[in-house]
Amino acid sequence: MKFEKIHNKGQAQIFSNRYLEFLTKTHPVVIFGMYLPVIGYMLYYSKTSLRYSYGRIAVIYLLAVLGWTLFEYIAHRFLFHWVSDHPVARKITYTMHGNHHEYPRDKQRLFMPPVPSVIISSFLFTVFYGLMRQNAFVFFPGFISGYLAYGSMHYAIHAWSPPFKWLKPLWRNHHLHHYKNEALGFGVSSTLWDRVFGTMFR
């Protein structure tokens, strides 16, 4: 995804149909409003109906957050930066992520929009339930909490300066990914997997 110019103002037009175009945009409040009730209910259900202990809930939840960071890295590196000469594949990649590289400060496309978000999260919950049965009612909230943390961090990196000195490495890592070398620095909410897999900026 190499562009002649990276635009720090404006936004890409992905669809000519205005209704489809509208569905490619969202605000963080909408996404939090969708998922926080689900997270709260599933954790409540796990404690009151499934009778899980606080310790069990905490362990599964934290493993799920860690799982998200790995999923984030893999998706960003291998899916969002999928390289293909096929025009359909190029269109899909641009729609998913390429437009963000061309217009990195477009605040309306820093979170995944509601419709694809619900479809993907529903699929993931089905997979989690198939693999771990009722534990999915704890794992899914942890995984989605990781996503919300990632989305918030991603939004903040593109919208603001780092509020604390200890956050500067994350800001630097992602800005270098956009403006220096998109083949490195795939972690957004964490640089853990960049360090593990050797894609960290020196």
C-alpha atoms as a PDB file:
ATOM      1  CA  MET A   1       0.000   0.000   0.000  1.00  0.00           C
ATOM      2  CA  LYS A   2       2.251   2.734  -1.270  1.00  0.00           C
ATOM      3  CA  PHE A   3       0.689   6.117  -1.956  1.00  0.00           C
ATOM      4  CA  GLU A   4       2.197   9.061  -3.776  1.00  0.00           C
ATOM      5  CA  LYS A   5       0.976  11.277  -0.977  1.00  0.00           C
ATOM      6  CA  ILE A   6      -0.247  10.623   2.543  1.00  0.00           C
ATOM      7  CA  HIS A   7      -3.078  13.028   3.351  1.00  0.00           C
ATOM      8  CA  ASN A   8      -3.275  14.343   6.910  1.00  0.00           C
ATOM      9  CA  LYS A   9      -6.561  16.059   6.105  1.00  0.00           C
ATOM     10  CA  GLY A  10      -9.736  14.787   4.482  1.00  0.00           C
ATOM     11  CA  GLN A  11     -10.919  11.238   3.950  1.00  0.00           C
ATOM     12  CA  ALA A  12     -11.122   8.644   1.205  1.00  0.00           C
ATOM     13  CA  GLN A  13     -14.306   7.910  -0.675  1.00  0.00           C
ATOM     14  CA  ILE A  14     -14.679   4.142  -0.614  1.00  0.00           C
ATOM     15  CA  PHE A  15     -18.140   3.714  -2.164  1.00  0.00           C
ATOM     16  CA  SER A  16     -20.019   5.867  -4.642  1.00  0.00           C
ATOM     17  CA  ASN A  17     -23.300   4.897  -2.947  1.00  0.00           C
ATOM     18  CA  ARG A  18     -23.842   7.347  -0.086  1.00  0.00           C
ATOM     19  CA  TYR A  19     -25.549   4.763   2.133  1.00  0.00           C
ATOM     20  CA  LEU A  20     -22.702   2.281   1.820  1.00  0.00           C
ATOM     21  CA  GLU A  21     -20.261   5.135   2.350  1.00  0.00           C
ATOM     22  CA  PHE A  22     -22.095   6.086   5.556  1.00  0.00           C
ATOM     23  CA  LEU A  23     -21.699   2.518   6.835  1.00  0.00           C
ATOM     24  CA  THR A  24     -17.889   2.791   6.601  1.00  0.00           C
ATOM     25  CA  LYS A  25     -17.743   5.469   9.307  1.00  0.00           C
ATOM     26  CA  THR A  26     -18.357   5.515  13.035  1.00  0.00           C
ATOM     27  CA  HIS A  27     -17.571   7.275  16.309  1.00  0.00           C
ATOM     28  CA  PRO A  28     -15.903   5.573  19.315  1.00  0.00           C
ATOM     29  CA  VAL A  29     -18.958   6.279  21.492  1.00  0.00           C
ATOM     30  CA  VAL A  30     -21.084   4.100  19.198  1.00  0.00           C
ATOM     31  CA  ILE A  31     -18.714   1.140  19.483  1.00  0.00           C
ATOM     32  CA  PHE A  32     -18.392   1.457  23.260  1.00  0.00           C
ATOM     33  CA  GLY A  33     -22.173   1.746  23.493  1.00  0.00           C
ATOM     34  CA  MET A  34     -22.521  -1.506  21.563  1.00  0.00           C
ATOM     35  CA  TYR A  35     -20.011  -3.606  23.459  1.00  0.00           C
ATOM     36  CA  LEU A  36     -19.898  -2.417  27.074  1.00  0.00           C
ATOM     37  CA  PRO A  37     -23.419  -3.780  27.837  1.00  0.00           C
ATOM     38  CA  VAL A  38     -22.465  -7.118  26.244  1.00  0.00           C
ATOM     39  CA  ILE A  39     -19.237  -7.300  28.251  1.00  0.00           C
ATOM     40  CA  GLY A  40     -21.044  -6.431  31.490  1.00  0.00           C
ATOM     41  CA  TYR A  41     -23.867  -8.907  30.922  1.00  0.00           C
ATOM     42  CA  MET A  42     -21.605 -11.824  29.989  1.00  0.00           C
ATOM     43  CA  LEU A  43     -19.398 -11.329  33.030  1.00  0.00           C
ATOM     44  CA  TYR A  44     -22.478 -11.019  35.241  1.00  0.00           C
ATOM     45  CA  TYR A  45     -23.908 -14.195  33.685  1.00  0.00           C
ATOM     46  CA  SER A  46     -20.615 -16.031  34.251  1.00  0.00           C
ATOM     47  CA  LYS A  47     -20.653 -15.162  37.929  1.00  0.00           C
ATOM     48  CA  THR A  48     -24.336 -15.564  38.754  1.00  0.00           C
ATOM     49  CA  SER A  49     -25.542 -18.319  36.404  1.00  0.00           C
ATOM     50  CA  LEU A  50     -22.392 -20.281  35.612  1.00  0.00           C
ATOM     51  CA  ARG A  51     -21.138 -19.841  39.193  1.00  0.00           C
ATOM     52  CA  TYR A  52     -17.580 -19.105  38.128  1.00  0.00           C
ATOM     53  CA  SER A  53     -15.236 -17.911  40.855  1.00  0.00           C
ATOM     54  CA  TYR A  54     -13.690 -14.451  40.652  1.00  0.00           C
ATOM     55  CA  GLY A  55     -10.295 -16.090  40.206  1.00  0.00           C
ATOM     56  CA  ARG A  56     -11.445 -18.166  37.247  1.00  0.00           C
ATOM     57  CA  ILE A  57     -13.075 -15.137  35.636  1.00  0.00           C
ATOM     58  CA  ALA A  58      -9.925 -13.035  36.139  1.00  0.00           C
ATOM     59  CA  VAL A  59      -7.597 -15.668  34.635  1.00  0.00           C
ATOM     60  CA  ILE A  60      -9.748 -16.319  31.550  1.00  0.00           C
ATOM     61  CA  TYR A  61     -10.387 -12.603  31.061  1.00  0.00           C
ATOM     62  CA  LEU A  62      -6.685 -11.694  31.202  1.00  0.00           C
ATOM     63  CA  LEU A  63      -5.743 -14.562  28.864  1.00  0.00           C
ATOM     64  CA  ALA A  64      -8.351 -13.245  26.436  1.00  0.00           C
ATOM     65  CA  VAL A  65      -6.896  -9.730  26.556  1.00  0.00           C
ATOM     66  CA  LEU A  66      -3.470 -11.215  25.812  1.00  0.00           C
ATOM     67  CA  GLY A  67      -5.068 -13.262  23.027  1.00  0.00           C
ATOM     68  CA  TRP A  68      -6.438 -10.074  21.531  1.00  0.00           C
ATOM     69  CA  THR A  69      -2.960  -8.528  21.307  1.00  0.00           C
ATOM     70  CA  LEU A  70      -1.761 -11.532  19.272  1.00  0.00           C
ATOM     71  CA  PHE A  71      -4.872 -11.428  17.083  1.00  0.00           C
ATOM     72  CA  GLU A  72      -4.348  -7.692  16.554  1.00  0.00           C
ATOM     73  CA  TYR A  73      -0.768  -8.275  15.434  1.00  0.00           C
ATOM     74  CA  ILE A  74      -1.580 -11.166  13.084  1.00  0.00           C
ATOM     75  CA  ALA A  75      -4.582  -9.416  11.524  1.00  0.00           C
ATOM     76  CA  HIS A  76      -2.662  -6.177  11.019  1.00  0.00           C
ATOM     77  CA  ARG A  77       0.407  -7.850   9.561  1.00  0.00           C
ATOM     78  CA  PHE A  78      -1.079 -10.566   7.358  1.00  0.00           C
ATOM     79  CA  LEU A  79      -4.666  -9.499   6.614  1.00  0.00           C
ATOM     80  CA  PHE A  80      -4.687  -5.707   6.580  1.00  0.00           C
ATOM     81  CA  HIS A  81      -1.369  -5.588   4.712  1.00  0.00           C
ATOM     82  CA  TRP A  82      -2.228  -8.405   2.324  1.00  0.00           C
ATOM     83  CA  VAL A  83      -0.350  -7.815  -0.936  1.00  0.00           C
ATOM     84  CA  SER A  84      -1.984  -8.925  -4.174  1.00  0.00           C
ATOM     85  CA  ASP A  85      -2.124  -7.794  -7.801  1.00  0.00           C
ATOM     86  CA  HIS A  86      -5.716  -9.002  -8.155  1.00  0.00           C
ATOM     87  CA  PRO A  87      -8.032  -5.959  -8.428  1.00  0.00           C
ATOM     88  CA  VAL A  88     -10.696  -7.430  -6.122  1.00  0.00           C
ATOM     89  CA  ALA A  89      -8.109  -8.279  -3.463  1.00  0.00           C
ATOM     90  CA  ARG A  90      -6.639  -4.780  -3.768  1.00  0.00           C
ATOM     91  CA  LYS A  91     -10.103  -3.254  -3.339  1.00  0.00           C
ATOM     92  CA  ILE A  92     -10.775  -5.366  -0.237  1.00  0.00           C
ATOM     93  CA  THR A  93      -7.407  -4.448   1.292  1.00  0.00           C
ATOM     94  CA  TYR A  94      -7.938  -0.755   0.558  1.00  0.00           C
ATOM     95  CA  THR A  95     -11.448  -0.842   2.037  1.00  0.00           C
ATOM     96  CA  MET A  96     -10.289  -2.632   5.194  1.00  0.00           C
ATOM     97  CA  HIS A  97      -7.085  -0.738   5.849  1.00  0.00           C
ATOM     98  CA  GLY A  98      -5.493   0.952   2.860  1.00  0.00           C
ATOM     99  CA  ASN A  99      -7.708   4.023   3.118  1.00  0.00           C
ATOM    100  CA  HIS A 100      -6.427   4.485   6.670  1.00  0.00           C
ATOM    101  CA  HIS A 101      -2.837   4.569   5.417  1.00  0.00           C
ATOM    102  CA  GLU A 102      -3.734   7.129   2.773  1.00  0.00           C
ATOM    103  CA  TYR A 103      -5.739   9.259   5.242  1.00  0.00           C
ATOM    104  CA  PRO A 104      -4.305   8.318   8.668  1.00  0.00           C
ATOM    105  CA  ARG A 105      -6.006  11.176  10.544  1.00  0.00           C
ATOM    106  CA  ASP A 106      -9.532  10.404   9.381  1.00  0.00           C
ATOM    107  CA  LYS A 107     -11.143  10.076  12.825  1.00  0.00           C
ATOM    108  CA  GLN A 108     -14.351   8.544  11.444  1.00  0.00           C
ATOM    109  CA  ARG A 109     -12.498   5.406  10.321  1.00  0.00           C
ATOM    110  CA  LEU A 110     -10.271   4.649  13.294  1.00  0.00           C
ATOM    111  CA  PHE A 111     -12.763   2.105  14.717  1.00  0.00           C
ATOM    112  CA  MET A 112     -14.367  -0.665  12.698  1.00  0.00           C
ATOM    113  CA  PRO A 113     -17.920   0.428  11.763  1.00  0.00           C
ATOM    114  CA  PRO A 114     -20.876  -1.224  13.549  1.00  0.00           C
ATOM    115  CA  VAL A 115     -22.160  -3.540  10.793  1.00  0.00           C
ATOM    116  CA  PRO A 116     -18.908  -5.402   9.983  1.00  0.00           C
ATOM    117  CA  SER A 117     -17.954  -5.224  13.668  1.00  0.00           C
ATOM    118  CA  VAL A 118     -21.116  -7.082  14.734  1.00  0.00           C
ATOM    119  CA  ILE A 119     -20.701  -9.675  11.974  1.00  0.00           C
ATOM    120  CA  ILE A 120     -17.074 -10.393  12.856  1.00  0.00           C
ATOM    121  CA  SER A 121     -17.608 -10.388  16.635  1.00  0.00           C
ATOM    122  CA  SER A 122     -20.587 -12.746  16.294  1.00  0.00           C
ATOM    123  CA  PHE A 123     -18.454 -15.110  14.228  1.00  0.00           C
ATOM    124  CA  LEU A 124     -15.656 -14.933  16.799  1.00  0.00           C
ATOM    125  CA  PHE A 125     -18.015 -15.672  19.687  1.00  0.00           C
ATOM    126  CA  THR A 126     -19.291 -18.716  17.772  1.00  0.00           C
ATOM    127  CA  VAL A 127     -15.707 -19.923  17.298  1.00  0.00           C
ATOM    128  CA  PHE A 128     -14.851 -19.302  20.961  1.00  0.00           C
ATOM    129  CA  TYR A 129     -17.977 -21.146  22.114  1.00  0.00           C
ATOM    130  CA  GLY A 130     -17.180 -24.069  19.836  1.00  0.00           C
ATOM    131  CA  LEU A 131     -13.663 -24.285  21.269  1.00  0.00           C
ATOM    132  CA  MET A 132     -14.265 -23.578  24.951  1.00  0.00           C
ATOM    133  CA  ARG A 133     -18.008 -23.829  25.537  1.00  0.00           C
ATOM    134  CA  GLN A 134     -19.249 -21.776  28.502  1.00  0.00           C
ATOM    135  CA  ASN A 135     -15.810 -20.306  29.149  1.00  0.00           C
ATOM    136  CA  ALA A 136     -16.523 -18.209  26.050  1.00  0.00           C
ATOM    137  CA  PHE A 137     -18.833 -16.066  28.205  1.00  0.00           C
ATOM    138  CA  VAL A 138     -15.683 -14.808  29.969  1.00  0.00           C
ATOM    139  CA  PHE A 139     -13.197 -15.090  27.121  1.00  0.00           C
ATOM    140  CA  PHE A 140     -15.292 -13.036  24.705  1.00  0.00           C
ATOM    141  CA  PRO A 141     -15.622 -10.030  27.079  1.00  0.00           C
ATOM    142  CA  GLY A 142     -11.858 -10.085  27.661  1.00  0.00           C
ATOM    143  CA  PHE A 143     -11.169 -10.299  23.940  1.00  0.00           C
ATOM    144  CA  ILE A 144     -13.550  -7.430  23.151  1.00  0.00           C
ATOM    145  CA  SER A 145     -12.083  -5.395  26.023  1.00  0.00           C
ATOM    146  CA  GLY A 146      -8.726  -5.831  24.303  1.00  0.00           C
ATOM    147  CA  TYR A 147     -10.301  -4.597  21.089  1.00  0.00           C
ATOM    148  CA  LEU A 148     -11.756  -1.533  22.813  1.00  0.00           C
ATOM    149  CA  ALA A 149      -8.360  -0.769  24.365  1.00  0.00           C
ATOM    150  CA  TYR A 150      -6.739  -1.155  20.945  1.00  0.00           C
ATOM    151  CA  GLY A 151      -9.349   1.050  19.280  1.00  0.00           C
ATOM    152  CA  SER A 152      -8.996   3.719  21.959  1.00  0.00           C
ATOM    153  CA  MET A 153      -5.215   3.661  21.675  1.00  0.00           C
ATOM    154  CA  HIS A 154      -5.403   3.796  17.892  1.00  0.00           C
ATOM    155  CA  TYR A 155      -7.786   6.753  18.027  1.00  0.00           C
ATOM    156  CA  ALA A 156      -5.614   8.573  20.559  1.00  0.00           C
ATOM    157  CA  ILE A 157      -2.400   7.997  18.584  1.00  0.00           C
ATOM    158  CA  HIS A 158      -3.884   9.567  15.467  1.00  0.00           C
ATOM    159  CA  ALA A 159      -5.796  12.336  17.232  1.00  0.00           C
ATOM    160  CA  TRP A 160      -3.552  13.520  20.087  1.00  0.00           C
ATOM    161  CA  SER A 161      -0.005  13.769  21.378  1.00  0.00           C
ATOM    162  CA  PRO A 162       0.971  11.132  23.980  1.00  0.00           C
ATOM    163  CA  PRO A 163      -0.405  12.263  27.363  1.00  0.00           C
ATOM    164  CA  PHE A 164       2.323  10.460  29.349  1.00  0.00           C
ATOM    165  CA  LYS A 165       6.030   9.909  28.660  1.00  0.00           C
ATOM    166  CA  TRP A 166       5.720   6.143  29.061  1.00  0.00           C
ATOM    167  CA  LEU A 167       3.235   6.051  26.159  1.00  0.00           C
ATOM    168  CA  LYS A 168       5.625   7.714  23.700  1.00  0.00           C
ATOM    169  CA  PRO A 169       7.092   4.402  22.410  1.00  0.00           C
ATOM    170  CA  LEU A 170       3.611   3.274  21.292  1.00  0.00           C
ATOM    171  CA  TRP A 171       2.971   6.593  19.539  1.00  0.00           C
ATOM    172  CA  ARG A 172       6.412   6.434  17.906  1.00  0.00           C
ATOM    173  CA  ASN A 173       5.997   2.806  16.808  1.00  0.00           C
ATOM    174  CA  HIS A 174       2.693   3.444  15.057  1.00  0.00           C
ATOM    175  CA  HIS A 175       3.713   6.731  13.456  1.00  0.00           C
ATOM    176  CA  LEU A 176       6.857   5.090  12.068  1.00  0.00           C
ATOM    177  CA  HIS A 177       4.635   2.315  10.694  1.00  0.00           C
ATOM    178  CA  HIS A 178       2.593   4.925   8.807  1.00  0.00           C
ATOM    179  CA  TYR A 179       5.259   7.367   7.723  1.00  0.00           C
ATOM    180  CA  LYS A 180       8.508   5.377   7.593  1.00  0.00           C
ATOM    181  CA  ASN A 181       8.058   1.655   6.924  1.00  0.00           C
ATOM    182  CA  GLU A 182       4.707  -0.160   6.866  1.00  0.00           C
ATOM    183  CA  ALA A 183       6.506  -3.529   6.924  1.00  0.00           C
ATOM    184  CA  LEU A 184       7.403  -2.976  10.603  1.00  0.00           C
ATOM    185  CA  GLY A 185       5.567  -1.912  13.760  1.00  0.00           C
ATOM    186  CA  PHE A 186       2.293  -3.841  13.508  1.00  0.00           C
ATOM    187  CA  GLY A 187       1.403  -3.616  17.180  1.00  0.00           C
ATOM    188  CA  VAL A 188      -0.847  -0.724  18.197  1.00  0.00           C
ATOM    189  CA  SER A 189      -2.004  -1.407  21.740  1.00  0.00           C
ATOM    190  CA  SER A 190       1.254  -3.243  22.533  1.00  0.00           C
ATOM    191  CA  THR A 191       4.700  -3.741  21.023  1.00  0.00           C
ATOM    192  CA  LEU A 192       5.002  -7.213  22.596  1.00  0.00           C
ATOM    193  CA  TRP A 193       4.535  -9.233  19.411  1.00  0.00           C
ATOM    194  CA  ASP A 194       6.675  -6.875  17.327  1.00  0.00           C
ATOM    195  CA  ARG A 195       9.481  -7.695  19.749  1.00  0.00           C
ATOM    196  CA  VAL A 196       8.714 -11.432  19.671  1.00  0.00           C
ATOM    197  CA  PHE A 197       8.530 -11.683  15.866  1.00  0.00           C
ATOM    198  CA  GLY A 198      11.307  -9.212  15.029  1.00  0.00           C
ATOM    199  CA  THR A 199       9.213  -6.445  13.444  1.00  0.00           C
ATOM    200  CA  MET A 200      10.049  -3.774  15.998  1.00  0.00           C
ATOM    201  CA  PHE A 201      11.629  -0.527  14.820  1.00  0.00           C
ATOM    202  CA  ARG A 202      15.181  -0.136  16.111  1.00  0.00           C
END
